[in-house]
C-alpha atoms as a PDB file:
ATOM      1  CA  UNK A   1      23.870  58.555 -24.063  1.00  0.00           C
ATOM      2  CA  UNK A   2      23.383  56.006 -26.828  1.00  0.00           C
ATOM      3  CA  UNK A   3      26.635  54.142 -26.063  1.00  0.00           C
ATOM      4  CA  UNK A   4      25.399  53.760 -22.421  1.00  0.00           C
ATOM      5  CA  UNK A   5      22.390  51.720 -23.334  1.00  0.00           C
ATOM      6  CA  UNK A   6      22.630  47.895 -23.100  1.00  0.00           C
ATOM      7  CA  UNK A   7      22.702  45.823 -26.224  1.00  0.00           C
ATOM      8  CA  UNK A   8      19.370  44.625 -27.625  1.00  0.00           C
ATOM      9  CA  UNK A   9      19.347  41.139 -26.008  1.00  0.00           C
ATOM     10  CA  UNK A  10      20.091  42.556 -22.565  1.00  0.00           C
ATOM     11  CA  UNK A  11      17.476  45.314 -23.015  1.00  0.00           C
ATOM     12  CA  UNK A  12      14.785  42.852 -23.985  1.00  0.00           C
ATOM     13  CA  UNK A  13      15.640  40.459 -21.057  1.00  0.00           C
ATOM     14  CA  UNK A  14      15.686  43.444 -18.568  1.00  0.00           C
ATOM     15  CA  UNK A  15      12.204  44.709 -19.904  1.00  0.00           C
ATOM     16  CA  UNK A  16      10.742  41.323 -19.174  1.00  0.00           C
ATOM     17  CA  UNK A  17      12.675  40.127 -16.125  1.00  0.00           C
ATOM     18  CA  UNK A  18       9.993  40.690 -13.584  1.00  0.00           C
ATOM     19  CA  UNK A  19       7.624  38.769 -15.666  1.00  0.00           C
ATOM     20  CA  UNK A  20       9.928  35.831 -16.089  1.00  0.00           C
ATOM     21  CA  UNK A  21      10.752  35.842 -12.466  1.00  0.00           C
ATOM     22  CA  UNK A  22       6.888  35.780 -11.597  1.00  0.00           C
ATOM     23  CA  UNK A  23       6.395  32.831 -14.081  1.00  0.00           C
ATOM     24  CA  UNK A  24       9.364  30.875 -12.447  1.00  0.00           C
ATOM     25  CA  UNK A  25       8.219  31.652  -8.970  1.00  0.00           C
ATOM     26  CA  UNK A  26       4.671  30.531  -9.666  1.00  0.00           C
ATOM     27  CA  UNK A  27       5.844  27.173 -11.184  1.00  0.00           C
ATOM     28  CA  UNK A  28       8.527  26.573  -8.304  1.00  0.00           C
ATOM     29  CA  UNK A  29       7.280  28.321  -5.207  1.00  0.00           C
ATOM     30  CA  UNK A  30      10.797  29.181  -4.332  1.00  0.00           C
ATOM     31  CA  UNK A  31      12.671  32.638  -5.148  1.00  0.00           C
ATOM     32  CA  UNK A  32      16.147  31.199  -5.205  1.00  0.00           C
ATOM     33  CA  UNK A  33      15.234  28.583  -7.581  1.00  0.00           C
ATOM     34  CA  UNK A  34      13.395  31.144  -9.755  1.00  0.00           C
ATOM     35  CA  UNK A  35      16.528  33.295  -9.645  1.00  0.00           C
ATOM     36  CA  UNK A  36      18.510  30.484 -11.033  1.00  0.00           C
ATOM     37  CA  UNK A  37      16.071  29.731 -13.691  1.00  0.00           C
ATOM     38  CA  UNK A  38      16.394  33.453 -14.776  1.00  0.00           C
ATOM     39  CA  UNK A  39      20.092  33.030 -14.973  1.00  0.00           C
ATOM     40  CA  UNK A  40      19.842  29.917 -17.081  1.00  0.00           C
ATOM     41  CA  UNK A  41      17.267  31.836 -19.310  1.00  0.00           C
ATOM     42  CA  UNK A  42      19.646  34.715 -19.810  1.00  0.00           C
ATOM     43  CA  UNK A  43      22.487  32.314 -20.845  1.00  0.00           C
ATOM     44  CA  UNK A  44      20.366  30.758 -23.499  1.00  0.00           C
ATOM     45  CA  UNK A  45      18.890  34.081 -24.574  1.00  0.00           C
ATOM     46  CA  UNK A  46      22.294  35.688 -24.960  1.00  0.00           C
ATOM     47  CA  UNK A  47      22.810  33.038 -27.790  1.00  0.00           C
ATOM     48  CA  UNK A  48      19.701  33.601 -29.679  1.00  0.00           C
ATOM     49  CA  UNK A  49      19.800  35.269 -33.063  1.00  0.00           C
ATOM     50  CA  UNK A  50      17.255  38.116 -32.373  1.00  0.00           C
ATOM     51  CA  UNK A  51      16.389  38.408 -36.102  1.00  0.00           C
ATOM     52  CA  UNK A  52      14.698  35.050 -35.987  1.00  0.00           C
ATOM     53  CA  UNK A  53      12.475  36.036 -32.927  1.00  0.00           C
ATOM     54  CA  UNK A  54       8.999  37.159 -33.745  1.00  0.00           C
ATOM     55  CA  UNK A  55       7.814  37.723 -30.180  1.00  0.00           C
ATOM     56  CA  UNK A  56      10.459  38.287 -27.659  1.00  0.00           C
ATOM     57  CA  UNK A  57       8.171  38.158 -24.655  1.00  0.00           C
ATOM     58  CA  UNK A  58       6.806  34.785 -25.718  1.00  0.00           C
ATOM     59  CA  UNK A  59      10.197  33.345 -26.613  1.00  0.00           C
ATOM     60  CA  UNK A  60      11.704  34.393 -23.210  1.00  0.00           C
ATOM     61  CA  UNK A  61       8.739  32.852 -21.309  1.00  0.00           C
ATOM     62  CA  UNK A  62       9.236  29.707 -23.400  1.00  0.00           C
ATOM     63  CA  UNK A  63      12.856  29.523 -22.369  1.00  0.00           C
ATOM     64  CA  UNK A  64      11.925  30.098 -18.687  1.00  0.00           C
ATOM     65  CA  UNK A  65       9.014  27.633 -18.733  1.00  0.00           C
ATOM     66  CA  UNK A  66      11.482  24.973 -20.052  1.00  0.00           C
ATOM     67  CA  UNK A  67      14.084  25.592 -17.543  1.00  0.00           C
ATOM     68  CA  UNK A  68      11.423  25.801 -14.609  1.00  0.00           C
ATOM     69  CA  UNK A  69       9.870  22.494 -15.713  1.00  0.00           C
ATOM     70  CA  UNK A  70      13.356  20.826 -15.445  1.00  0.00           C
ATOM     71  CA  UNK A  71      13.965  22.391 -12.190  1.00  0.00           C
ATOM     72  CA  UNK A  72      10.529  21.429 -10.867  1.00  0.00           C
ATOM     73  CA  UNK A  73      11.187  17.791 -11.356  1.00  0.00           C
ATOM     74  CA  UNK A  74      14.533  18.077  -9.473  1.00  0.00           C
ATOM     75  CA  UNK A  75      12.621  19.852  -6.698  1.00  0.00           C
ATOM     76  CA  UNK A  76      10.245  17.113  -6.368  1.00  0.00           C
ATOM     77  CA  UNK A  77      13.114  14.780  -5.444  1.00  0.00           C
ATOM     78  CA  UNK A  78      14.415  17.192  -2.829  1.00  0.00           C
ATOM     79  CA  UNK A  79      10.941  17.345  -1.154  1.00  0.00           C
ATOM     80  CA  UNK A  80      10.825  13.797  -0.765  1.00  0.00           C
ATOM     81  CA  UNK A  81      13.564  14.021   1.943  1.00  0.00           C
ATOM     82  CA  UNK A  82      12.312  17.346   3.412  1.00  0.00           C
ATOM     83  CA  UNK A  83      11.823  17.363   7.124  1.00  0.00           C
ATOM     84  CA  UNK A  84       8.136  18.186   7.943  1.00  0.00           C
ATOM     85  CA  UNK A  85       5.656  19.979   5.803  1.00  0.00           C
ATOM     86  CA  UNK A  86       7.108  21.936   2.798  1.00  0.00           C
ATOM     87  CA  UNK A  87       5.756  25.371   2.316  1.00  0.00           C
ATOM     88  CA  UNK A  88       6.436  27.900  -0.474  1.00  0.00           C
ATOM     89  CA  UNK A  89       8.951  30.684   0.105  1.00  0.00           C
ATOM     90  CA  UNK A  90       7.211  33.856   1.293  1.00  0.00           C
ATOM     91  CA  UNK A  91       7.932  37.061  -0.655  1.00  0.00           C
ATOM     92  CA  UNK A  92       7.496  40.645   0.791  1.00  0.00           C
ATOM     93  CA  UNK A  93       5.456  42.350  -1.913  1.00  0.00           C
ATOM     94  CA  UNK A  94       4.538  45.895  -3.003  1.00  0.00           C
ATOM     95  CA  UNK A  95       0.957  47.212  -2.722  1.00  0.00           C
ATOM     96  CA  UNK A  96       0.553  47.133  -6.507  1.00  0.00           C
ATOM     97  CA  UNK A  97       0.694  43.246  -6.278  1.00  0.00           C
ATOM     98  CA  UNK A  98      -2.342  43.338  -3.891  1.00  0.00           C
ATOM     99  CA  UNK A  99      -3.987  45.853  -6.153  1.00  0.00           C
ATOM    100  CA  UNK A 100      -3.925  43.313  -9.081  1.00  0.00           C
ATOM    101  CA  UNK A 101      -6.544  40.779  -7.657  1.00  0.00           C
ATOM    102  CA  UNK A 102      -5.838  38.009  -9.980  1.00  0.00           C
ATOM    103  CA  UNK A 103      -2.002  38.171  -9.572  1.00  0.00           C
ATOM    104  CA  UNK A 104      -2.332  38.458  -5.746  1.00  0.00           C
ATOM    105  CA  UNK A 105      -4.646  35.366  -5.756  1.00  0.00           C
ATOM    106  CA  UNK A 106      -2.280  33.389  -8.015  1.00  0.00           C
ATOM    107  CA  UNK A 107       0.905  34.150  -5.783  1.00  0.00           C
ATOM    108  CA  UNK A 108      -1.019  33.575  -2.400  1.00  0.00           C
ATOM    109  CA  UNK A 109       0.607  30.953  -0.180  1.00  0.00           C
ATOM    110  CA  UNK A 110      -2.860  29.191  -0.316  1.00  0.00           C
ATOM    111  CA  UNK A 111      -2.938  29.060  -4.179  1.00  0.00           C
ATOM    112  CA  UNK A 112       0.749  28.199  -4.418  1.00  0.00           C
ATOM    113  CA  UNK A 113      -0.040  25.041  -2.172  1.00  0.00           C
ATOM    114  CA  UNK A 114      -2.839  24.141  -4.475  1.00  0.00           C
ATOM    115  CA  UNK A 115      -0.390  24.434  -7.430  1.00  0.00           C
ATOM    116  CA  UNK A 116       1.885  21.944  -5.498  1.00  0.00           C
ATOM    117  CA  UNK A 117      -0.620  19.332  -6.098  1.00  0.00           C
ATOM    118  CA  UNK A 118      -0.428  19.496  -9.946  1.00  0.00           C
ATOM    119  CA  UNK A 119       2.010  17.551 -12.048  1.00  0.00           C
ATOM    120  CA  UNK A 120       4.795  19.612 -13.377  1.00  0.00           C
ATOM    121  CA  UNK A 121       3.378  20.108 -16.965  1.00  0.00           C
ATOM    122  CA  UNK A 122      -0.219  20.746 -15.607  1.00  0.00           C
ATOM    123  CA  UNK A 123       1.223  23.362 -13.388  1.00  0.00           C
ATOM    124  CA  UNK A 124       3.107  25.202 -16.271  1.00  0.00           C
ATOM    125  CA  UNK A 125       0.001  25.025 -18.472  1.00  0.00           C
ATOM    126  CA  UNK A 126      -2.297  26.246 -15.683  1.00  0.00           C
ATOM    127  CA  UNK A 127       0.079  29.173 -14.712  1.00  0.00           C
ATOM    128  CA  UNK A 128       0.746  30.221 -18.446  1.00  0.00           C
ATOM    129  CA  UNK A 129      -2.988  30.104 -19.508  1.00  0.00           C
ATOM    130  CA  UNK A 130      -4.861  31.222 -16.174  1.00  0.00           C
ATOM    131  CA  UNK A 131      -2.512  33.754 -14.721  1.00  0.00           C
ATOM    132  CA  UNK A 132      -0.586  35.101 -17.767  1.00  0.00           C
ATOM    133  CA  UNK A 133      -3.294  34.571 -20.516  1.00  0.00           C
ATOM    134  CA  UNK A 134      -1.005  32.787 -23.139  1.00  0.00           C
ATOM    135  CA  UNK A 135      -2.389  31.265 -26.021  1.00  0.00           C
ATOM    136  CA  UNK A 136      -2.687  27.478 -26.357  1.00  0.00           C
ATOM    137  CA  UNK A 137      -0.288  27.506 -29.342  1.00  0.00           C
ATOM    138  CA  UNK A 138       2.292  29.553 -27.346  1.00  0.00           C
ATOM    139  CA  UNK A 139       1.861  27.222 -24.332  1.00  0.00           C
ATOM    140  CA  UNK A 140       2.238  24.160 -26.598  1.00  0.00           C
ATOM    141  CA  UNK A 141       5.631  25.475 -27.766  1.00  0.00           C
ATOM    142  CA  UNK A 142       6.748  26.064 -24.098  1.00  0.00           C
ATOM    143  CA  UNK A 143       5.873  22.736 -22.725  1.00  0.00           C
ATOM    144  CA  UNK A 144       6.525  20.642 -25.801  1.00  0.00           C
ATOM    145  CA  UNK A 145       2.985  19.399 -26.511  1.00  0.00           C
ATOM    146  CA  UNK A 146       0.377  19.755 -29.270  1.00  0.00           C
ATOM    147  CA  UNK A 147      -2.164  22.482 -28.746  1.00  0.00           C
ATOM    148  CA  UNK A 148      -4.883  19.971 -28.530  1.00  0.00           C
ATOM    149  CA  UNK A 149      -3.053  18.308 -25.834  1.00  0.00           C
ATOM    150  CA  UNK A 150      -2.604  21.574 -24.051  1.00  0.00           C
ATOM    151  CA  UNK A 151      -6.325  22.320 -24.073  1.00  0.00           C
ATOM    152  CA  UNK A 152      -6.894  19.066 -22.471  1.00  0.00           C
ATOM    153  CA  UNK A 153      -4.291  19.502 -19.769  1.00  0.00           C
ATOM    154  CA  UNK A 154      -5.588  22.903 -19.099  1.00  0.00           C
ATOM    155  CA  UNK A 155      -9.162  21.691 -18.746  1.00  0.00           C
ATOM    156  CA  UNK A 156      -7.913  19.092 -16.389  1.00  0.00           C
ATOM    157  CA  UNK A 157      -5.747  21.357 -14.391  1.00  0.00           C
ATOM    158  CA  UNK A 158      -8.490  24.037 -13.984  1.00  0.00           C
ATOM    159  CA  UNK A 159     -10.927  21.371 -12.533  1.00  0.00           C
ATOM    160  CA  UNK A 160      -8.309  20.182 -10.320  1.00  0.00           C
ATOM    161  CA  UNK A 161      -7.544  23.619  -8.915  1.00  0.00           C
ATOM    162  CA  UNK A 162     -11.067  24.758  -8.798  1.00  0.00           C
ATOM    163  CA  UNK A 163     -11.851  21.807  -6.437  1.00  0.00           C
ATOM    164  CA  UNK A 164      -9.060  22.771  -3.934  1.00  0.00           C
ATOM    165  CA  UNK A 165      -8.602  26.677  -4.187  1.00  0.00           C
ATOM    166  CA  UNK A 166     -10.136  28.985  -1.434  1.00  0.00           C
ATOM    167  CA  UNK A 167     -13.980  29.241  -2.058  1.00  0.00           C
ATOM    168  CA  UNK A 168     -13.709  32.641  -3.519  1.00  0.00           C
ATOM    169  CA  UNK A 169     -11.146  35.284  -4.058  1.00  0.00           C
ATOM    170  CA  UNK A 170     -10.666  37.063  -0.616  1.00  0.00           C
ATOM    171  CA  UNK A 171      -9.930  40.749  -0.743  1.00  0.00           C
ATOM    172  CA  UNK A 172      -6.813  42.037   1.189  1.00  0.00           C
ATOM    173  CA  UNK A 173      -9.338  44.022   3.324  1.00  0.00           C
ATOM    174  CA  UNK A 174     -10.959  40.784   4.327  1.00  0.00           C
ATOM    175  CA  UNK A 175      -7.657  39.168   5.107  1.00  0.00           C
ATOM    176  CA  UNK A 176      -6.583  42.236   7.084  1.00  0.00           C
ATOM    177  CA  UNK A 177      -9.725  42.108   9.171  1.00  0.00           C
ATOM    178  CA  UNK A 178      -9.107  38.391   9.983  1.00  0.00           C
ATOM    179  CA  UNK A 179      -5.467  39.054  10.486  1.00  0.00           C
ATOM    180  CA  UNK A 180      -6.174  41.890  13.057  1.00  0.00           C
ATOM    181  CA  UNK A 181      -8.444  39.764  15.072  1.00  0.00           C
ATOM    182  CA  UNK A 182      -6.035  36.857  14.878  1.00  0.00           C
ATOM    183  CA  UNK A 183      -3.171  39.181  15.956  1.00  0.00           C
ATOM    184  CA  UNK A 184      -5.235  40.782  18.866  1.00  0.00           C
ATOM    185  CA  UNK A 185      -6.173  37.234  20.054  1.00  0.00           C
ATOM    186  CA  UNK A 186      -2.346  35.920  19.947  1.00  0.00           C
ATOM    187  CA  UNK A 187      -1.101  39.084  21.769  1.00  0.00           C
ATOM    188  CA  UNK A 188      -3.697  38.932  24.422  1.00  0.00           C
ATOM    189  CA  UNK A 189      -3.726  35.205  24.803  1.00  0.00           C
ATOM    190  CA  UNK A 190      -7.447  35.115  24.537  1.00  0.00           C
ATOM    191  CA  UNK A 191      -8.093  31.574  23.762  1.00  0.00           C
ATOM    192  CA  UNK A 192     -11.777  32.153  23.040  1.00  0.00           C
ATOM    193  CA  UNK A 193     -11.167  35.006  20.657  1.00  0.00           C
ATOM    194  CA  UNK A 194      -8.874  32.752  18.841  1.00  0.00           C
ATOM    195  CA  UNK A 195     -11.370  30.042  18.612  1.00  0.00           C
ATOM    196  CA  UNK A 196     -13.841  32.561  17.225  1.00  0.00           C
ATOM    197  CA  UNK A 197     -11.801  33.497  14.195  1.00  0.00           C
ATOM    198  CA  UNK A 198     -10.628  29.921  13.398  1.00  0.00           C
ATOM    199  CA  UNK A 199     -12.690  27.612  11.177  1.00  0.00           C
ATOM    200  CA  UNK A 200     -13.668  24.314  12.731  1.00  0.00           C
ATOM    201  CA  UNK A 201     -11.400  22.566  10.285  1.00  0.00           C
ATOM    202  CA  UNK A 202      -8.583  24.891  10.219  1.00  0.00           C
ATOM    203  CA  UNK A 203      -5.151  23.469   9.393  1.00  0.00           C
ATOM    204  CA  UNK A 204      -1.772  24.632  10.764  1.00  0.00           C
ATOM    205  CA  UNK A 205       1.239  23.852   8.636  1.00  0.00           C
ATOM    206  CA  UNK A 206       4.814  24.714   9.878  1.00  0.00           C
ATOM    207  CA  UNK A 207       7.935  24.702   7.815  1.00  0.00           C
ATOM    208  CA  UNK A 208      11.267  24.679   9.789  1.00  0.00           C
ATOM    209  CA  UNK A 209      13.119  22.644   6.998  1.00  0.00           C
ATOM    210  CA  UNK A 210      14.781  20.542   9.793  1.00  0.00           C
ATOM    211  CA  UNK A 211      16.739  23.627  10.920  1.00  0.00           C
ATOM    212  CA  UNK A 212      14.139  25.275  13.123  1.00  0.00           C
ATOM    213  CA  UNK A 213      11.627  23.796  15.462  1.00  0.00           C
ATOM    214  CA  UNK A 214       8.221  23.572  13.775  1.00  0.00           C
ATOM    215  CA  UNK A 215       5.154  21.151  13.743  1.00  0.00           C
ATOM    216  CA  UNK A 216       6.201  17.959  11.875  1.00  0.00           C
ATOM    217  CA  UNK A 217       2.803  17.137  10.586  1.00  0.00           C
ATOM    218  CA  UNK A 218      -0.431  19.427  10.013  1.00  0.00           C
ATOM    219  CA  UNK A 219      -2.346  20.298  13.118  1.00  0.00           C
ATOM    220  CA  UNK A 220      -6.142  20.060  12.320  1.00  0.00           C
ATOM    221  CA  UNK A 221      -9.200  21.521  14.161  1.00  0.00           C
ATOM    222  CA  UNK A 222      -9.695  24.989  15.780  1.00  0.00           C
ATOM    223  CA  UNK A 223      -9.321  23.651  19.307  1.00  0.00           C
ATOM    224  CA  UNK A 224      -6.062  21.852  18.742  1.00  0.00           C
ATOM    225  CA  UNK A 225      -4.688  24.770  16.622  1.00  0.00           C
ATOM    226  CA  UNK A 226      -5.633  27.424  19.178  1.00  0.00           C
ATOM    227  CA  UNK A 227      -3.938  25.467  22.020  1.00  0.00           C
ATOM    228  CA  UNK A 228      -0.739  24.854  20.022  1.00  0.00           C
ATOM    229  CA  UNK A 229      -0.561  28.479  19.128  1.00  0.00           C
ATOM    230  CA  UNK A 230      -1.307  29.670  22.597  1.00  0.00           C
ATOM    231  CA  UNK A 231       1.374  27.371  24.201  1.00  0.00           C
ATOM    232  CA  UNK A 232       4.024  28.145  21.737  1.00  0.00           C
ATOM    233  CA  UNK A 233       3.567  31.906  21.956  1.00  0.00           C
ATOM    234  CA  UNK A 234       3.193  31.811  25.617  1.00  0.00           C
ATOM    235  CA  UNK A 235       6.734  30.371  25.943  1.00  0.00           C
ATOM    236  CA  UNK A 236       8.189  33.435  23.878  1.00  0.00           C
ATOM    237  CA  UNK A 237       5.905  36.195  24.735  1.00  0.00           C
ATOM    238  CA  UNK A 238       8.631  38.357  26.512  1.00  0.00           C
ATOM    239  CA  UNK A 239      10.836  38.204  23.513  1.00  0.00           C
ATOM    240  CA  UNK A 240       8.162  38.345  20.666  1.00  0.00           C
ATOM    241  CA  UNK A 241       6.802  41.155  18.579  1.00  0.00           C
ATOM    242  CA  UNK A 242       4.383  40.868  15.576  1.00  0.00           C
ATOM    243  CA  UNK A 243       4.318  43.096  12.678  1.00  0.00           C
ATOM    244  CA  UNK A 244       1.902  43.235   9.787  1.00  0.00           C
ATOM    245  CA  UNK A 245       3.279  43.060   6.218  1.00  0.00           C
ATOM    246  CA  UNK A 246       2.333  42.339   2.598  1.00  0.00           C
ATOM    247  CA  UNK A 247       3.434  38.743   1.957  1.00  0.00           C
ATOM    248  CA  UNK A 248       2.496  37.281  -1.512  1.00  0.00           C
ATOM    249  CA  UNK A 249      -0.003  39.832  -2.307  1.00  0.00           C
ATOM    250  CA  UNK A 250      -1.938  39.540   1.056  1.00  0.00           C
ATOM    251  CA  UNK A 251      -1.504  40.969   4.521  1.00  0.00           C
ATOM    252  CA  UNK A 252       0.681  38.539   6.730  1.00  0.00           C
ATOM    253  CA  UNK A 253       2.445  38.464  10.062  1.00  0.00           C
ATOM    254  CA  UNK A 254       6.084  38.590  10.756  1.00  0.00           C
ATOM    255  CA  UNK A 255       7.066  37.268  14.219  1.00  0.00           C
ATOM    256  CA  UNK A 256      10.385  38.694  15.556  1.00  0.00           C
ATOM    257  CA  UNK A 257      12.123  37.360  18.607  1.00  0.00           C
ATOM    258  CA  UNK A 258      14.509  39.864  20.248  1.00  0.00           C
ATOM    259  CA  UNK A 259      14.244  41.888  17.108  1.00  0.00           C
ATOM    260  CA  UNK A 260      15.299  39.108  14.666  1.00  0.00           C
ATOM    261  CA  UNK A 261      13.108  37.739  11.957  1.00  0.00           C
ATOM    262  CA  UNK A 262      11.946  34.267  13.179  1.00  0.00           C
ATOM    263  CA  UNK A 263       8.630  33.365  11.483  1.00  0.00           C
ATOM    264  CA  UNK A 264       6.268  34.501   8.756  1.00  0.00           C
ATOM    265  CA  UNK A 265       2.646  33.594   9.187  1.00  0.00           C
ATOM    266  CA  UNK A 266       0.373  33.812   6.073  1.00  0.00           C
ATOM    267  CA  UNK A 267      -3.414  32.812   6.200  1.00  0.00           C
ATOM    268  CA  UNK A 268      -6.092  31.241   4.061  1.00  0.00           C
ATOM    269  CA  UNK A 269      -9.596  32.837   4.634  1.00  0.00           C
ATOM    270  CA  UNK A 270     -12.918  31.129   3.589  1.00  0.00           C
ATOM    271  CA  UNK A 271     -16.232  32.562   4.403  1.00  0.00           C
ATOM    272  CA  UNK A 272     -14.703  34.975   6.909  1.00  0.00           C
ATOM    273  CA  UNK A 273     -12.835  32.407   8.996  1.00  0.00           C
ATOM    274  CA  UNK A 274      -9.158  31.260   8.975  1.00  0.00           C
ATOM    275  CA  UNK A 275      -9.108  27.932   7.361  1.00  0.00           C
ATOM    276  CA  UNK A 276      -5.399  27.678   6.933  1.00  0.00           C
ATOM    277  CA  UNK A 277      -2.331  29.016   8.846  1.00  0.00           C
ATOM    278  CA  UNK A 278       1.071  28.806   7.108  1.00  0.00           C
ATOM    279  CA  UNK A 279       4.209  29.346   9.487  1.00  0.00           C
ATOM    280  CA  UNK A 280       7.455  29.469   7.613  1.00  0.00           C
ATOM    281  CA  UNK A 281      10.529  29.362   9.925  1.00  0.00           C
ATOM    282  CA  UNK A 282      13.267  27.814   7.680  1.00  0.00           C
ATOM    283  CA  UNK A 283      15.859  30.498   7.622  1.00  0.00           C
ATOM    284  CA  UNK A 284      16.599  29.589   4.008  1.00  0.00           C
ATOM    285  CA  UNK A 285      13.190  30.780   2.974  1.00  0.00           C
ATOM    286  CA  UNK A 286      13.215  34.012   4.802  1.00  0.00           C
ATOM    287  CA  UNK A 287      15.763  35.896   2.835  1.00  0.00           C
ATOM    288  CA  UNK A 288      13.277  37.625   0.397  1.00  0.00           C
ATOM    289  CA  UNK A 289      11.564  39.407   3.488  1.00  0.00           C
ATOM    290  CA  UNK A 290      14.404  42.018   3.761  1.00  0.00           C
ATOM    291  CA  UNK A 291      13.218  43.885   0.614  1.00  0.00           C
ATOM    292  CA  UNK A 292      10.205  43.897  -1.602  1.00  0.00           C
ATOM    293  CA  UNK A 293      10.088  41.638  -4.683  1.00  0.00           C
ATOM    294  CA  UNK A 294       8.563  42.983  -7.893  1.00  0.00           C
ATOM    295  CA  UNK A 295       5.964  40.673  -9.436  1.00  0.00           C
ATOM    296  CA  UNK A 296       4.493  41.363 -12.888  1.00  0.00           C
ATOM    297  CA  UNK A 297       1.956  39.675 -15.414  1.00  0.00           C
END
């Protein structure tokens, strides 16, 4: 019935909510903070005169971007006192995210870590331009810069990301193949099989947030990483189980101890070998693995 429909402002916000969440998440790397940004966006949007809005999608993204930029700067200060490596918050994602190769690549753990190396405004410009294909004029309004300045920032950010991103977009099938081999090696304790799938310069990062035990600095090199993994899993083998899931658009592993979610392990693949292992144990970052999160471009 017509009277059951939400008012126009609410209707517009709900229509674009998944897009706005995705923008905020790609800028922040944290789902809880992205949800807070959406709440702030709604409060501002609810007071806008819709008759003055030419493009509701662009306007909402502009509000979201400004709120995310503000929070990103605060988040930077929080990271300074973080215990051990900081990793993005993993999300359980639906198969349609993996089907959108560009979206899956942009929200992969490996790419989010690359985005962490950008300055806040560079990150916003890169995300809005390269992932969501916004025009320079629209981005300029969102970040408070001139279109010419945004073009320069976009060029600089693209070069920065290109030098650090995985060497090519890896298909979910390739990731799944590497993950299958990795899981078999871990479950059987076969150190040589593990060494065969790890790149010589593989890096293991663990995020326990000071709450759960995790490696406090990056572990580098196939031999060292394999031995750390073998030793760690050897101690918990009787209580541990591994399950493959879709995390941030790609296959990943969930480790459960006595049936309870303990760790999420995401991979970075280059040339068929694992070059990055990202193990998230911080309980505050595992809440979005109980249900699928919808991401949209």
